[in-house]
Amino acid sequence: MSVAIVSEKGWIVVPKKYRDKYGLNPGTKVQVVDYGGCLSLVPLPEDPISALRGMFESGPSLSQELFNESKISDQHEEDKVEGLRSG
């Protein structure tokens, strides 16, 4: 466990092992996130557009899956109605 001390100016030193692990170099921007009584530092990419490129390309389309499920459900309902009519 590492401990950092807050200076009079509110600065802290991120331990070297974490700077190395997360690529925190001088000038790296981080988002300070406050949740559940904890503070987290989240490194921000230099180019957020490039960092997100391709994020949604892999995997099936959720809207296509919902459309397919809706078609199947509609067909089941039609089959039930047809069964009631002929039975």
N, C-alpha and C. Protein backbone atom coordinates (compact mmCIF):
# COMPACT_ATOMS: atom_id res chain seq x y z
N MET A 1 0.86 -1.17 0.00
CA MET A 1 0.00 0.00 0.00
C MET A 1 0.90 1.23 0.00
N SER A 2 0.55 2.19 -0.82
CA SER A 2 1.30 3.43 -0.90
C SER A 2 0.52 4.55 -0.24
N VAL A 3 1.25 5.46 0.38
CA VAL A 3 0.63 6.61 1.03
C VAL A 3 1.20 7.87 0.41
N ALA A 4 0.33 8.82 0.12
CA ALA A 4 0.76 10.12 -0.40
C ALA A 4 0.28 11.18 0.56
N ILE A 5 1.03 12.27 0.66
CA ILE A 5 0.68 13.36 1.56
C ILE A 5 0.27 14.56 0.72
N VAL A 6 -0.82 15.19 1.09
CA VAL A 6 -1.31 16.37 0.38
C VAL A 6 -0.51 17.58 0.87
N SER A 7 0.05 18.34 -0.07
CA SER A 7 0.83 19.53 0.30
C SER A 7 -0.10 20.69 0.62
N GLU A 8 0.46 21.79 1.07
CA GLU A 8 -0.33 22.99 1.36
C GLU A 8 -1.06 23.49 0.12
N LYS A 9 -0.51 23.24 -1.05
CA LYS A 9 -1.14 23.67 -2.31
C LYS A 9 -2.14 22.64 -2.83
N GLY A 10 -2.30 21.52 -2.10
CA GLY A 10 -3.24 20.49 -2.53
C GLY A 10 -2.63 19.49 -3.48
N TRP A 11 -1.32 19.51 -3.64
CA TRP A 11 -0.64 18.59 -4.54
C TRP A 11 -0.36 17.27 -3.84
N ILE A 12 -0.36 16.20 -4.62
CA ILE A 12 0.10 14.91 -4.11
C ILE A 12 1.09 14.35 -5.12
N VAL A 13 1.94 13.46 -4.65
CA VAL A 13 2.87 12.78 -5.54
C VAL A 13 2.35 11.37 -5.76
N VAL A 14 2.11 11.02 -7.02
CA VAL A 14 1.68 9.66 -7.34
C VAL A 14 2.93 8.79 -7.32
N PRO A 15 2.91 7.71 -6.55
CA PRO A 15 4.10 6.85 -6.46
C PRO A 15 4.55 6.37 -7.85
N LYS A 16 5.87 6.23 -8.01
CA LYS A 16 6.48 5.89 -9.29
C LYS A 16 5.90 4.62 -9.89
N LYS A 17 5.66 3.59 -9.05
CA LYS A 17 5.15 2.33 -9.62
C LYS A 17 3.80 2.54 -10.31
N TYR A 18 2.97 3.47 -9.82
CA TYR A 18 1.68 3.74 -10.45
C TYR A 18 1.83 4.67 -11.64
N ARG A 19 2.77 5.61 -11.56
CA ARG A 19 3.02 6.47 -12.73
C ARG A 19 3.49 5.61 -13.90
N ASP A 20 4.37 4.66 -13.61
CA ASP A 20 4.86 3.77 -14.66
C ASP A 20 3.75 2.85 -15.18
N LYS A 21 3.01 2.25 -14.26
CA LYS A 21 1.96 1.30 -14.63
C LYS A 21 0.90 1.94 -15.52
N TYR A 22 0.51 3.20 -15.21
CA TYR A 22 -0.58 3.85 -15.94
C TYR A 22 -0.11 4.90 -16.94
N GLY A 23 1.19 4.97 -17.15
CA GLY A 23 1.72 5.89 -18.15
C GLY A 23 1.49 7.35 -17.79
N LEU A 24 1.60 7.67 -16.51
CA LEU A 24 1.40 9.05 -16.06
C LEU A 24 2.72 9.80 -16.16
N ASN A 25 2.86 10.55 -17.22
CA ASN A 25 4.05 11.34 -17.47
C ASN A 25 3.74 12.80 -17.20
N PRO A 26 4.76 13.64 -17.06
CA PRO A 26 4.49 15.07 -16.87
C PRO A 26 3.56 15.59 -17.97
N GLY A 27 2.51 16.26 -17.57
CA GLY A 27 1.55 16.81 -18.53
C GLY A 27 0.36 15.92 -18.79
N THR A 28 0.39 14.67 -18.31
CA THR A 28 -0.75 13.77 -18.49
C THR A 28 -1.94 14.33 -17.72
N LYS A 29 -3.10 14.37 -18.38
CA LYS A 29 -4.32 14.83 -17.72
C LYS A 29 -5.02 13.65 -17.08
N VAL A 30 -5.57 13.89 -15.87
CA VAL A 30 -6.34 12.87 -15.18
C VAL A 30 -7.66 13.47 -14.75
N GLN A 31 -8.68 12.66 -14.75
CA GLN A 31 -10.00 13.05 -14.24
C GLN A 31 -10.06 12.65 -12.78
N VAL A 32 -10.47 13.56 -11.91
CA VAL A 32 -10.65 13.24 -10.50
C VAL A 32 -12.11 12.88 -10.31
N VAL A 33 -12.36 11.65 -9.86
CA VAL A 33 -13.72 11.14 -9.72
C VAL A 33 -14.00 10.91 -8.25
N ASP A 34 -15.11 11.48 -7.78
CA ASP A 34 -15.54 11.33 -6.38
C ASP A 34 -16.77 10.44 -6.37
N TYR A 35 -16.66 9.26 -5.76
CA TYR A 35 -17.81 8.38 -5.65
C TYR A 35 -17.70 7.53 -4.40
N GLY A 36 -18.80 7.41 -3.71
CA GLY A 36 -18.88 6.55 -2.53
C GLY A 36 -17.84 6.86 -1.47
N GLY A 37 -17.47 8.12 -1.30
CA GLY A 37 -16.48 8.48 -0.30
C GLY A 37 -15.05 8.19 -0.71
N CYS A 38 -14.82 7.88 -1.98
CA CYS A 38 -13.48 7.59 -2.49
C CYS A 38 -13.15 8.56 -3.62
N LEU A 39 -11.88 8.88 -3.74
CA LEU A 39 -11.41 9.67 -4.88
C LEU A 39 -10.59 8.76 -5.77
N SER A 40 -10.81 8.86 -7.06
CA SER A 40 -10.02 8.09 -8.03
C SER A 40 -9.43 9.03 -9.05
N LEU A 41 -8.25 8.70 -9.53
CA LEU A 41 -7.63 9.43 -10.62
C LEU A 41 -7.74 8.56 -11.85
N VAL A 42 -8.37 9.07 -12.90
CA VAL A 42 -8.55 8.31 -14.13
C VAL A 42 -7.76 9.00 -15.24
N PRO A 43 -6.70 8.34 -15.74
CA PRO A 43 -5.92 8.96 -16.81
C PRO A 43 -6.79 9.20 -18.04
N LEU A 44 -6.65 10.39 -18.63
CA LEU A 44 -7.39 10.72 -19.85
C LEU A 44 -6.48 10.55 -21.05
N PRO A 45 -6.98 9.99 -22.13
CA PRO A 45 -6.14 9.83 -23.33
C PRO A 45 -5.84 11.19 -23.95
N GLU A 46 -4.68 11.28 -24.61
CA GLU A 46 -4.32 12.53 -25.28
C GLU A 46 -5.32 12.86 -26.38
N ASP A 47 -5.74 11.85 -27.12
CA ASP A 47 -6.71 12.03 -28.20
C ASP A 47 -7.91 11.14 -27.92
N PRO A 48 -8.95 11.66 -27.26
CA PRO A 48 -10.08 10.80 -26.88
C PRO A 48 -10.81 10.19 -28.07
N ILE A 49 -10.82 10.86 -29.20
CA ILE A 49 -11.49 10.30 -30.39
C ILE A 49 -10.78 9.05 -30.85
N SER A 50 -9.46 9.12 -30.96
CA SER A 50 -8.68 7.95 -31.39
C SER A 50 -8.79 6.82 -30.37
N ALA A 51 -8.82 7.17 -29.08
CA ALA A 51 -8.89 6.15 -28.03
C ALA A 51 -10.20 5.38 -28.12
N LEU A 52 -11.27 6.00 -28.58
CA LEU A 52 -12.57 5.34 -28.67
C LEU A 52 -12.83 4.69 -30.02
N ARG A 53 -11.98 4.95 -30.99
CA ARG A 53 -12.19 4.40 -32.34
C ARG A 53 -12.25 2.88 -32.29
N GLY A 54 -13.27 2.32 -32.90
CA GLY A 54 -13.45 0.88 -32.97
C GLY A 54 -14.14 0.28 -31.75
N MET A 55 -14.47 1.10 -30.78
CA MET A 55 -15.06 0.61 -29.54
C MET A 55 -16.38 -0.12 -29.77
N PHE A 56 -17.16 0.33 -30.74
CA PHE A 56 -18.48 -0.24 -30.96
C PHE A 56 -18.54 -1.12 -32.20
N GLU A 57 -17.41 -1.39 -32.83
CA GLU A 57 -17.42 -2.17 -34.06
C GLU A 57 -17.51 -3.67 -33.81
N SER A 58 -16.95 -4.15 -32.72
CA SER A 58 -16.97 -5.59 -32.49
C SER A 58 -18.26 -5.99 -31.78
N GLY A 59 -18.69 -7.18 -32.04
CA GLY A 59 -19.88 -7.68 -31.39
C GLY A 59 -21.13 -7.41 -32.19
N PRO A 60 -22.20 -8.12 -31.85
CA PRO A 60 -23.45 -7.98 -32.59
C PRO A 60 -24.14 -6.64 -32.30
N SER A 61 -24.95 -6.22 -33.24
CA SER A 61 -25.70 -4.99 -33.09
C SER A 61 -26.89 -5.24 -32.15
N LEU A 62 -26.98 -4.46 -31.09
CA LEU A 62 -28.07 -4.63 -30.13
C LEU A 62 -29.41 -4.36 -30.80
N SER A 63 -29.48 -3.33 -31.64
CA SER A 63 -30.75 -3.02 -32.29
C SER A 63 -31.16 -4.16 -33.23
N GLN A 64 -30.19 -4.78 -33.90
CA GLN A 64 -30.51 -5.91 -34.79
C GLN A 64 -31.00 -7.09 -33.98
N GLU A 65 -30.39 -7.35 -32.82
CA GLU A 65 -30.84 -8.44 -31.96
C GLU A 65 -32.26 -8.20 -31.47
N LEU A 66 -32.56 -6.97 -31.06
CA LEU A 66 -33.92 -6.64 -30.60
C LEU A 66 -34.93 -6.80 -31.72
N PHE A 67 -34.56 -6.37 -32.93
CA PHE A 67 -35.44 -6.51 -34.08
C PHE A 67 -35.73 -7.99 -34.35
N ASN A 68 -34.69 -8.82 -34.32
CA ASN A 68 -34.86 -10.25 -34.57
C ASN A 68 -35.75 -10.90 -33.50
N GLU A 69 -35.53 -10.54 -32.24
CA GLU A 69 -36.36 -11.08 -31.16
C GLU A 69 -37.82 -10.65 -31.32
N SER A 70 -38.02 -9.41 -31.74
CA SER A 70 -39.38 -8.91 -31.95
C SER A 70 -40.08 -9.69 -33.06
N LYS A 71 -39.35 -9.98 -34.15
CA LYS A 71 -39.94 -10.75 -35.24
C LYS A 71 -40.33 -12.14 -34.77
N ILE A 72 -39.47 -12.78 -33.98
CA ILE A 72 -39.76 -14.12 -33.47
C ILE A 72 -40.98 -14.08 -32.56
N SER A 73 -41.03 -13.08 -31.68
CA SER A 73 -42.17 -12.94 -30.77
C SER A 73 -43.46 -12.71 -31.54
N ASP A 74 -43.40 -11.86 -32.55
CA ASP A 74 -44.58 -11.60 -33.39
C ASP A 74 -45.05 -12.88 -34.06
N GLN A 75 -44.11 -13.69 -34.55
CA GLN A 75 -44.46 -14.93 -35.22
C GLN A 75 -45.12 -15.91 -34.25
N HIS A 76 -44.60 -15.97 -33.01
CA HIS A 76 -45.21 -16.84 -32.01
C HIS A 76 -46.65 -16.40 -31.71
N GLU A 77 -46.86 -15.11 -31.61
CA GLU A 77 -48.21 -14.60 -31.35
C GLU A 77 -49.15 -14.93 -32.51
N GLU A 78 -48.67 -14.77 -33.75
CA GLU A 78 -49.49 -15.11 -34.91
C GLU A 78 -49.83 -16.59 -34.92
N ASP A 79 -48.86 -17.43 -34.55
CA ASP A 79 -49.09 -18.87 -34.50
C ASP A 79 -50.15 -19.21 -33.45
N LYS A 80 -50.11 -18.54 -32.29
CA LYS A 80 -51.10 -18.79 -31.24
C LYS A 80 -52.49 -18.40 -31.72
N VAL A 81 -52.60 -17.25 -32.36
CA VAL A 81 -53.91 -16.78 -32.86
C VAL A 81 -54.42 -17.74 -33.93
N GLU A 82 -53.56 -18.17 -34.81
CA GLU A 82 -53.96 -19.10 -35.87
C GLU A 82 -54.41 -20.43 -35.27
N GLY A 83 -53.71 -20.87 -34.23
CA GLY A 83 -54.10 -22.11 -33.55
C GLY A 83 -55.46 -22.01 -32.90
N LEU A 84 -55.78 -20.85 -32.32
CA LEU A 84 -57.07 -20.64 -31.71
C LEU A 84 -58.18 -20.60 -32.75
N ARG A 85 -57.88 -20.02 -33.90
CA ARG A 85 -58.88 -19.92 -34.97
C ARG A 85 -59.21 -21.30 -35.53
N SER A 86 -58.19 -22.13 -35.70
CA SER A 86 -58.43 -23.43 -36.34
C SER A 86 -58.76 -24.52 -35.34
N GLY A 87 -58.63 -24.26 -34.06
CA GLY A 87 -58.85 -25.30 -33.07
C GLY A 87 -60.14 -25.22 -32.43
